[in-house]
PDB file of N, CA and C in Angstrom:
ATOM      1  N   MET A   1      94.257  56.831 129.534  1.00  0.00           N
ATOM      2  CA  MET A   1      95.375  57.301 129.706  1.00  0.00           C
ATOM      3  C   MET A   1      96.128  55.879 130.727  1.00  0.00           C
ATOM      4  N   LYS A   2      97.475  56.391 130.226  1.00  0.00           N
ATOM      5  CA  LYS A   2      98.259  55.239 130.182  1.00  0.00           C
ATOM      6  C   LYS A   2      98.902  54.833 132.005  1.00  0.00           C
ATOM      7  N   THR A   3      99.097  53.772 131.646  1.00  0.00           N
ATOM      8  CA  THR A   3     100.235  53.613 133.700  1.00  0.00           C
ATOM      9  C   THR A   3     100.975  53.025 133.184  1.00  0.00           C
ATOM     10  N   TYR A   4     101.801  54.039 134.094  1.00  0.00           N
ATOM     11  CA  TYR A   4     103.301  53.831 134.537  1.00  0.00           C
ATOM     12  C   TYR A   4     103.367  52.918 135.766  1.00  0.00           C
ATOM     13  N   SER A   5     104.990  52.634 135.764  1.00  0.00           N
ATOM     14  CA  SER A   5     105.107  51.493 137.103  1.00  0.00           C
ATOM     15  C   SER A   5     106.080  52.103 137.729  1.00  0.00           C
ATOM     16  N   THR A   6     106.781  52.079 138.987  1.00  0.00           N
ATOM     17  CA  THR A   6     107.929  52.188 139.286  1.00  0.00           C
ATOM     18  C   THR A   6     109.130  51.367 139.101  1.00  0.00           C
ATOM     19  N   ASP A   7     110.305  51.221 139.683  1.00  0.00           N
ATOM     20  CA  ASP A   7     111.105  50.013 140.108  1.00  0.00           C
ATOM     21  C   ASP A   7     110.727  48.887 141.071  1.00  0.00           C
ATOM     22  N   SER A   8     109.839  49.698 141.865  1.00  0.00           N
ATOM     23  CA  SER A   8     108.904  48.944 143.095  1.00  0.00           C
ATOM     24  C   SER A   8     108.221  48.313 142.481  1.00  0.00           C
ATOM     25  N   GLY A   9     107.503  48.967 141.427  1.00  0.00           N
ATOM     26  CA  GLY A   9     106.120  48.471 140.873  1.00  0.00           C
ATOM     27  C   GLY A   9     105.119  48.611 141.276  1.00  0.00           C
ATOM     28  N   HIS A  10     105.238  50.263 141.987  1.00  0.00           N
ATOM     29  CA  HIS A  10     103.848  50.779 142.011  1.00  0.00           C
ATOM     30  C   HIS A  10     103.571  51.630 141.006  1.00  0.00           C
ATOM     31  N   GLN A  11     101.947  51.490 140.807  1.00  0.00           N
ATOM     32  CA  GLN A  11     101.614  51.945 140.000  1.00  0.00           C
ATOM     33  C   GLN A  11     101.133  53.819 139.326  1.00  0.00           C
ATOM     34  N   PHE A  12     101.147  54.907 138.570  1.00  0.00           N
ATOM     35  CA  PHE A  12     100.901  55.959 138.941  1.00  0.00           C
ATOM     36  C   PHE A  12     100.383  56.175 137.410  1.00  0.00           C
ATOM     37  N   SER A  13      99.734  57.591 136.811  1.00  0.00           N
ATOM     38  CA  SER A  13      99.059  58.206 135.795  1.00  0.00           C
ATOM     39  C   SER A  13      99.648  59.364 135.728  1.00  0.00           C
ATOM     40  N   VAL A  14      99.464  59.386 134.506  1.00  0.00           N
ATOM     41  CA  VAL A  14     100.197  61.158 134.095  1.00  0.00           C
ATOM     42  C   VAL A  14      99.068  61.827 133.955  1.00  0.00           C
ATOM     43  N   ASP A  15      98.876  62.712 135.232  1.00  0.00           N
ATOM     44  CA  ASP A  15      97.027  64.148 135.375  1.00  0.00           C
ATOM     45  C   ASP A  15      97.252  65.054 134.420  1.00  0.00           C
ATOM     46  N   TYR A  16      99.095  65.745 134.257  1.00  0.00           N
ATOM     47  CA  TYR A  16      98.818  66.684 133.538  1.00  0.00           C
ATOM     48  C   TYR A  16     100.592  67.363 133.373  1.00  0.00           C
ATOM     49  N   ALA A  17     100.872  67.596 132.358  1.00  0.00           N
ATOM     50  CA  ALA A  17     102.219  68.634 132.389  1.00  0.00           C
ATOM     51  C   ALA A  17     101.987  69.450 131.280  1.00  0.00           C
ATOM     52  N   SER A  18     102.947  70.383 131.820  1.00  0.00           N
ATOM     53  CA  SER A  18     103.244  71.452 130.974  1.00  0.00           C
ATOM     54  C   SER A  18     104.773  72.236 130.673  1.00  0.00           C
ATOM     55  N   SER A  19     105.326  72.702 130.413  1.00  0.00           N
ATOM     56  CA  SER A  19     106.556  73.170 130.019  1.00  0.00           C
ATOM     57  C   SER A  19     106.835  74.749 129.935  1.00  0.00           C
ATOM     58  N   LEU A  20     108.060  75.272 130.940  1.00  0.00           N
ATOM     59  CA  LEU A  20     108.514  76.700 130.544  1.00  0.00           C
ATOM     60  C   LEU A  20     110.042  77.047 129.784  1.00  0.00           C
ATOM     61  N   PRO A  21     110.641  77.554 129.137  1.00  0.00           N
ATOM     62  CA  PRO A  21     111.419  78.108 128.735  1.00  0.00           C
ATOM     63  C   PRO A  21     112.636  78.025 130.295  1.00  0.00           C
ATOM     64  N   ALA A  22     113.681  77.530 130.203  1.00  0.00           N
ATOM     65  CA  ALA A  22     114.510  76.942 131.069  1.00  0.00           C
ATOM     66  C   ALA A  22     116.005  77.417 130.773  1.00  0.00           C
ATOM     67  N   GLY A  23     116.462  78.616 129.549  1.00  0.00           N
ATOM     68  CA  GLY A  23     117.820  78.760 128.931  1.00  0.00           C
ATOM     69  C   GLY A  23     117.357  78.124 127.833  1.00  0.00           C
ATOM     70  N   TYR A  24     118.646  78.823 126.934  1.00  0.00           N
ATOM     71  CA  TYR A  24     118.662  77.879 125.304  1.00  0.00           C
ATOM     72  C   TYR A  24     118.535  77.082 125.376  1.00  0.00           C
ATOM     73  N   GLY A  25     117.944  76.022 124.661  1.00  0.00           N
ATOM     74  CA  GLY A  25     117.966  74.873 124.231  1.00  0.00           C
ATOM     75  C   GLY A  25     117.835  74.399 125.538  1.00  0.00           C
ATOM     76  N   HIS A  26     117.042  74.503 126.521  1.00  0.00           N
ATOM     77  CA  HIS A  26     116.410  73.908 127.487  1.00  0.00           C
ATOM     78  C   HIS A  26     114.744  74.017 127.971  1.00  0.00           C
ATOM     79  N   ARG A  27     114.024  73.632 128.477  1.00  0.00           N
ATOM     80  CA  ARG A  27     113.174  73.443 128.627  1.00  0.00           C
ATOM     81  C   ARG A  27     112.758  72.521 130.018  1.00  0.00           C
ATOM     82  N   GLU A  28     112.241  73.283 130.767  1.00  0.00           N
ATOM     83  CA  GLU A  28     111.527  73.194 132.247  1.00  0.00           C
ATOM     84  C   GLU A  28     110.151  72.260 132.273  1.00  0.00           C
ATOM     85  N   ILE A  29     110.300  70.904 132.554  1.00  0.00           N
ATOM     86  CA  ILE A  29     108.865  70.254 132.094  1.00  0.00           C
ATOM     87  C   ILE A  29     108.172  69.914 133.767  1.00  0.00           C
ATOM     88  N   LYS A  30     106.932  70.448 133.768  1.00  0.00           N
ATOM     89  CA  LYS A  30     106.480  69.774 134.746  1.00  0.00           C
ATOM     90  C   LYS A  30     105.726  69.024 134.993  1.00  0.00           C
ATOM     91  N   VAL A  31     105.549  68.109 136.092  1.00  0.00           N
ATOM     92  CA  VAL A  31     103.980  67.021 135.698  1.00  0.00           C
ATOM     93  C   VAL A  31     103.234  66.625 136.723  1.00  0.00           C
ATOM     94  N   THR A  32     102.061  66.472 136.799  1.00  0.00           N
ATOM     95  CA  THR A  32     101.082  65.790 138.015  1.00  0.00           C
ATOM     96  C   THR A  32     101.192  64.752 137.960  1.00  0.00           C
ATOM     97  N   LEU A  33     101.384  63.845 138.411  1.00  0.00           N
ATOM     98  CA  LEU A  33     100.991  62.493 138.787  1.00  0.00           C
ATOM     99  C   LEU A  33     100.007  62.140 139.623  1.00  0.00           C
ATOM    100  N   VAL A  34      99.294  61.220 139.558  1.00  0.00           N
ATOM    101  CA  VAL A  34      98.097  60.715 140.431  1.00  0.00           C
ATOM    102  C   VAL A  34      98.314  59.162 140.412  1.00  0.00           C
ATOM    103  N   THR A  35      98.226  58.597 141.656  1.00  0.00           N
ATOM    104  CA  THR A  35      98.052  57.575 142.210  1.00  0.00           C
ATOM    105  C   THR A  35      97.000  56.766 143.103  1.00  0.00           C
ATOM    106  N   SER A  36      96.341  55.634 143.167  1.00  0.00           N
ATOM    107  CA  SER A  36      95.681  55.496 143.788  1.00  0.00           C
ATOM    108  C   SER A  36      96.104  54.074 145.271  1.00  0.00           C
ATOM    109  N   VAL A  37      97.092  53.958 145.494  1.00  0.00           N
ATOM    110  CA  VAL A  37      97.720  53.111 146.040  1.00  0.00           C
ATOM    111  C   VAL A  37      96.936  52.844 147.563  1.00  0.00           C
ATOM    112  N   THR A  38      96.329  54.118 147.955  1.00  0.00           N
ATOM    113  CA  THR A  38      95.924  53.572 149.356  1.00  0.00           C
ATOM    114  C   THR A  38      94.397  53.471 149.076  1.00  0.00           C
ATOM    115  N   GLY A  39      93.824  53.660 147.691  1.00  0.00           N
ATOM    116  CA  GLY A  39      92.433  53.307 147.519  1.00  0.00           C
ATOM    117  C   GLY A  39      91.455  54.791 147.143  1.00  0.00           C
ATOM    118  N   GLU A  40      92.744  56.043 147.479  1.00  0.00           N
ATOM    119  CA  GLU A  40      91.840  56.918 147.158  1.00  0.00           C
ATOM    120  C   GLU A  40      92.934  58.013 146.182  1.00  0.00           C
ATOM    121  N   ARG A  41      92.493  59.026 145.311  1.00  0.00           N
ATOM    122  CA  ARG A  41      93.144  59.270 144.239  1.00  0.00           C
ATOM    123  C   ARG A  41      94.217  60.129 145.494  1.00  0.00           C
ATOM    124  N   ILE A  42      95.167  60.612 144.662  1.00  0.00           N
ATOM    125  CA  ILE A  42      96.653  60.937 145.083  1.00  0.00           C
ATOM    126  C   ILE A  42      97.491  61.750 143.690  1.00  0.00           C
ATOM    127  N   THR A  43      98.188  63.045 144.204  1.00  0.00           N
ATOM    128  CA  THR A  43      98.259  64.075 143.136  1.00  0.00           C
ATOM    129  C   THR A  43      99.662  64.394 143.776  1.00  0.00           C
ATOM    130  N   LYS A  44     100.603  64.630 143.092  1.00  0.00           N
ATOM    131  CA  LYS A  44     101.808  65.155 143.508  1.00  0.00           C
ATOM    132  C   LYS A  44     102.818  65.440 141.895  1.00  0.00           C
ATOM    133  N   GLU A  45     103.425  66.709 142.083  1.00  0.00           N
ATOM    134  CA  GLU A  45     103.529  67.542 141.295  1.00  0.00           C
ATOM    135  C   GLU A  45     105.387  67.089 141.358  1.00  0.00           C
ATOM    136  N   PHE A  46     106.348  67.336 139.772  1.00  0.00           N
ATOM    137  CA  PHE A  46     107.239  66.904 140.046  1.00  0.00           C
ATOM    138  C   PHE A  46     108.030  67.531 138.733  1.00  0.00           C
ATOM    139  N   LYS A  47     108.620  68.176 138.672  1.00  0.00           N
ATOM    140  CA  LYS A  47     109.907  68.467 137.610  1.00  0.00           C
ATOM    141  C   LYS A  47     111.174  68.460 137.105  1.00  0.00           C
ATOM    142  N   ALA A  48     111.550  68.958 135.821  1.00  0.00           N
ATOM    143  CA  ALA A  48     112.800  68.579 135.745  1.00  0.00           C
ATOM    144  C   ALA A  48     113.199  69.022 134.494  1.00  0.00           C
ATOM    145  N   VAL A  49     114.315  69.362 134.280  1.00  0.00           N
ATOM    146  CA  VAL A  49     114.856  69.798 132.635  1.00  0.00           C
ATOM    147  C   VAL A  49     114.932  69.373 131.974  1.00  0.00           C
ATOM    148  N   THR A  50     115.018  69.442 130.525  1.00  0.00           N
ATOM    149  CA  THR A  50     114.871  68.906 129.741  1.00  0.00           C
ATOM    150  C   THR A  50     116.006  69.571 128.336  1.00  0.00           C
ATOM    151  N   SER A  51     117.241  69.112 127.580  1.00  0.00           N
ATOM    152  CA  SER A  51     117.475  69.686 126.721  1.00  0.00           C
ATOM    153  C   SER A  51     117.221  68.585 125.151  1.00  0.00           C
ATOM    154  N   ASN A  52     116.443  67.676 125.124  1.00  0.00           N
ATOM    155  CA  ASN A  52     115.873  67.207 124.494  1.00  0.00           C
ATOM    156  C   ASN A  52     114.898  67.822 123.538  1.00  0.00           C
ATOM    157  N   MET A  53     115.954  68.839 122.149  1.00  0.00           N
ATOM    158  CA  MET A  53     114.687  69.757 121.514  1.00  0.00           C
ATOM    159  C   MET A  53     113.667  68.877 120.806  1.00  0.00           C
ATOM    160  N   PRO A  54     114.496  68.134 120.245  1.00  0.00           N
ATOM    161  CA  PRO A  54     113.289  67.487 118.760  1.00  0.00           C
ATOM    162  C   PRO A  54     112.646  66.399 119.557  1.00  0.00           C
ATOM    163  N   ASP A  55     112.518  65.863 120.905  1.00  0.00           N
ATOM    164  CA  ASP A  55     111.486  65.059 121.142  1.00  0.00           C
ATOM    165  C   ASP A  55     110.468  65.635 121.921  1.00  0.00           C
ATOM    166  N   TYR A  56     111.281  66.894 122.608  1.00  0.00           N
ATOM    167  CA  TYR A  56     110.209  68.035 122.943  1.00  0.00           C
ATOM    168  C   TYR A  56     109.556  68.588 121.764  1.00  0.00           C
ATOM    169  N   ASP A  57     109.712  68.690 120.581  1.00  0.00           N
ATOM    170  CA  ASP A  57     109.022  69.439 119.627  1.00  0.00           C
ATOM    171  C   ASP A  57     108.103  68.821 119.056  1.00  0.00           C
ATOM    172  N   HIS A  58     108.463  67.463 119.020  1.00  0.00           N
ATOM    173  CA  HIS A  58     107.533  66.553 118.811  1.00  0.00           C
ATOM    174  C   HIS A  58     106.607  66.606 119.912  1.00  0.00           C
ATOM    175  N   ALA A  59     106.406  66.646 120.907  1.00  0.00           N
ATOM    176  CA  ALA A  59     105.695  66.007 122.371  1.00  0.00           C
ATOM    177  C   ALA A  59     104.987  67.541 122.054  1.00  0.00           C
ATOM    178  N   SER A  60     105.147  68.577 121.880  1.00  0.00           N
ATOM    179  CA  SER A  60     104.568  70.227 121.249  1.00  0.00           C
ATOM    180  C   SER A  60     103.829  69.635 120.913  1.00  0.00           C
ATOM    181  N   ASP A  61     103.366  69.223 119.291  1.00  0.00           N
ATOM    182  CA  ASP A  61     102.382  69.040 118.330  1.00  0.00           C
ATOM    183  C   ASP A  61     101.136  68.130 119.054  1.00  0.00           C
ATOM    184  N   LEU A  62     101.733  67.637 119.806  1.00  0.00           N
ATOM    185  CA  LEU A  62     100.260  66.694 120.272  1.00  0.00           C
ATOM    186  C   LEU A  62      99.572  67.120 120.746  1.00  0.00           C
ATOM    187  N   GLU A  63      98.470  66.670 121.368  1.00  0.00           N
ATOM    188  CA  GLU A  63      97.208  67.225 121.600  1.00  0.00           C
ATOM    189  C   GLU A  63      97.112  66.202 123.515  1.00  0.00           C
ATOM    190  N   GLY A  64      96.186  67.131 124.338  1.00  0.00           N
ATOM    191  CA  GLY A  64      95.539  66.380 125.279  1.00  0.00           C
ATOM    192  C   GLY A  64      96.663  65.318 126.137  1.00  0.00           C
ATOM    193  N   GLN A  65      95.931  64.080 126.248  1.00  0.00           N
ATOM    194  CA  GLN A  65      97.098  63.069 127.358  1.00  0.00           C
ATOM    195  C   GLN A  65      98.087  63.270 126.861  1.00  0.00           C
ATOM    196  N   GLU A  66      98.130  62.406 125.384  1.00  0.00           N
ATOM    197  CA  GLU A  66      98.980  62.159 124.432  1.00  0.00           C
ATOM    198  C   GLU A  66     100.077  63.141 124.764  1.00  0.00           C
ATOM    199  N   LYS A  67      99.947  64.571 125.074  1.00  0.00           N
ATOM    200  CA  LYS A  67     101.405  65.388 124.872  1.00  0.00           C
ATOM    201  C   LYS A  67     101.141  65.264 125.985  1.00  0.00           C
ATOM    202  N   TYR A  68     100.756  65.404 127.208  1.00  0.00           N
ATOM    203  CA  TYR A  68     101.449  64.946 128.845  1.00  0.00           C
ATOM    204  C   TYR A  68     102.008  64.031 128.992  1.00  0.00           C
ATOM    205  N   GLU A  69     101.723  63.109 128.263  1.00  0.00           N
ATOM    206  CA  GLU A  69     102.421  61.741 128.388  1.00  0.00           C
ATOM    207  C   GLU A  69     103.970  61.891 127.733  1.00  0.00           C
ATOM    208  N   ALA A  70     103.754  62.995 126.594  1.00  0.00           N
ATOM    209  CA  ALA A  70     105.225  62.353 125.571  1.00  0.00           C
ATOM    210  C   ALA A  70     105.934  63.610 126.435  1.00  0.00           C
ATOM    211  N   LEU A  71     105.903  64.442 127.196  1.00  0.00           N
ATOM    212  CA  LEU A  71     106.329  65.566 127.815  1.00  0.00           C
ATOM    213  C   LEU A  71     106.534  64.420 129.228  1.00  0.00           C
ATOM    214  N   PHE A  72     106.041  64.452 129.692  1.00  0.00           N
ATOM    215  CA  PHE A  72     106.558  63.352 131.296  1.00  0.00           C
ATOM    216  C   PHE A  72     107.756  62.430 130.884  1.00  0.00           C
ATOM    217  N   GLU A  73     107.395  61.947 129.705  1.00  0.00           N
ATOM    218  CA  GLU A  73     108.648  60.536 129.443  1.00  0.00           C
ATOM    219  C   GLU A  73     109.786  61.277 128.647  1.00  0.00           C
ATOM    220  N   LEU A  74     110.119  62.651 128.421  1.00  0.00           N
ATOM    221  CA  LEU A  74     111.337  63.373 128.241  1.00  0.00           C
ATOM    222  C   LEU A  74     112.208  63.869 129.816  1.00  0.00           C
ATOM    223  N   ILE A  75     110.957  63.656 131.169  1.00  0.00           N
ATOM    224  CA  ILE A  75     111.547  63.697 132.260  1.00  0.00           C
ATOM    225  C   ILE A  75     112.042  62.479 132.938  1.00  0.00           C
ATOM    226  N   GLN A  76     111.158  61.469 132.527  1.00  0.00           N
ATOM    227  CA  GLN A  76     111.024  60.386 133.624  1.00  0.00           C
ATOM    228  C   GLN A  76     112.081  59.752 134.295  1.00  0.00           C
ATOM    229  N   TYR A  77     113.166  59.451 133.495  1.00  0.00           N
ATOM    230  CA  TYR A  77     114.615  59.168 133.978  1.00  0.00           C
ATOM    231  C   TYR A  77     115.216  60.098 134.936  1.00  0.00           C
ATOM    232  N   ASN A  78     114.863  61.182 135.126  1.00  0.00           N
ATOM    233  CA  ASN A  78     115.394  61.948 136.014  1.00  0.00           C
ATOM    234  C   ASN A  78     114.379  62.619 137.689  1.00  0.00           C
ATOM    235  N   ILE A  79     113.311  62.136 137.340  1.00  0.00           N
ATOM    236  CA  ILE A  79     112.212  61.792 138.252  1.00  0.00           C
ATOM    237  C   ILE A  79     111.982  60.618 138.622  1.00  0.00           C
ATOM    238  N   ASP A  80     112.565  59.373 138.531  1.00  0.00           N
ATOM    239  CA  ASP A  80     112.284  57.930 138.684  1.00  0.00           C
ATOM    240  C   ASP A  80     112.231  57.739 140.121  1.00  0.00           C
ATOM    241  N   ARG A  81     113.400  57.988 140.647  1.00  0.00           N
ATOM    242  CA  ARG A  81     113.524  57.991 141.887  1.00  0.00           C
ATOM    243  C   ARG A  81     112.788  58.535 143.141  1.00  0.00           C
ATOM    244  N   LEU A  82     112.458  60.053 142.852  1.00  0.00           N
ATOM    245  CA  LEU A  82     111.160  60.646 143.273  1.00  0.00           C
ATOM    246  C   LEU A  82     110.267  60.301 143.580  1.00  0.00           C
ATOM    247  N   VAL A  83     109.398  60.020 142.533  1.00  0.00           N
ATOM    248  CA  VAL A  83     108.170  59.253 142.354  1.00  0.00           C
ATOM    249  C   VAL A  83     108.259  57.835 142.983  1.00  0.00           C
ATOM    250  N   ASP A  84     109.372  57.306 142.742  1.00  0.00           N
ATOM    251  CA  ASP A  84     109.546  56.184 144.141  1.00  0.00           C
ATOM    252  C   ASP A  84     109.084  55.866 145.296  1.00  0.00           C
ATOM    253  N   GLU A  85     110.249  57.005 145.341  1.00  0.00           N
ATOM    254  CA  GLU A  85     110.140  57.588 146.959  1.00  0.00           C
ATOM    255  C   GLU A  85     108.736  58.274 147.488  1.00  0.00           C
ATOM    256  N   TRP A  86     107.945  59.077 146.710  1.00  0.00           N
ATOM    257  CA  TRP A  86     106.537  59.661 146.620  1.00  0.00           C
ATOM    258  C   TRP A  86     105.736  58.713 147.244  1.00  0.00           C
ATOM    259  N   LEU A  87     105.619  57.038 145.988  1.00  0.00           N
ATOM    260  CA  LEU A  87     105.205  56.435 146.438  1.00  0.00           C
ATOM    261  C   LEU A  87     105.224  55.012 147.753  1.00  0.00           C
ATOM    262  N   LEU A  88     106.130  55.231 148.038  1.00  0.00           N
ATOM    263  CA  LEU A  88     106.601  54.265 148.906  1.00  0.00           C
ATOM    264  C   LEU A  88     106.200  55.173 149.899  1.00  0.00           C
ATOM    265  N   GLU A  89     106.183  56.888 150.410  1.00  0.00           N
ATOM    266  CA  GLU A  89     105.111  57.463 151.552  1.00  0.00           C
ATOM    267  C   GLU A  89     103.703  56.939 152.232  1.00  0.00           C
ATOM    268  N   GLU A  90     103.612  56.917 150.311  1.00  0.00           N
ATOM    269  CA  GLU A  90     102.081  56.748 151.127  1.00  0.00           C
ATOM    270  C   GLU A  90     101.733  55.356 150.797  1.00  0.00           C
ATOM    271  N   LEU A  91     102.352  54.677 150.698  1.00  0.00           N
ATOM    272  CA  LEU A  91     101.880  53.298 151.533  1.00  0.00           C
ATOM    273  C   LEU A  91     101.299  53.358 152.838  1.00  0.00           C
TER     274      LEU A  91
END
């Protein structure tokens, strides 16, 4: 499992990711992130829409954790601020 960091330096991982159609050439990606900043396992779900179909197609060809992380990376830029706020709230 790959570890990601926010701009504030808080670490988290991708637990699960899925997608749904969101209009022509768009996919809504939903990810469940996990952290243990307080010593216990804490999860939260985030979602965002991507129109990056070439990378989405590549992610869809992967399996398991690699697929979840590839889907997350499609929307990571869109949810960075929300993830950072979530982790700051958990401190």
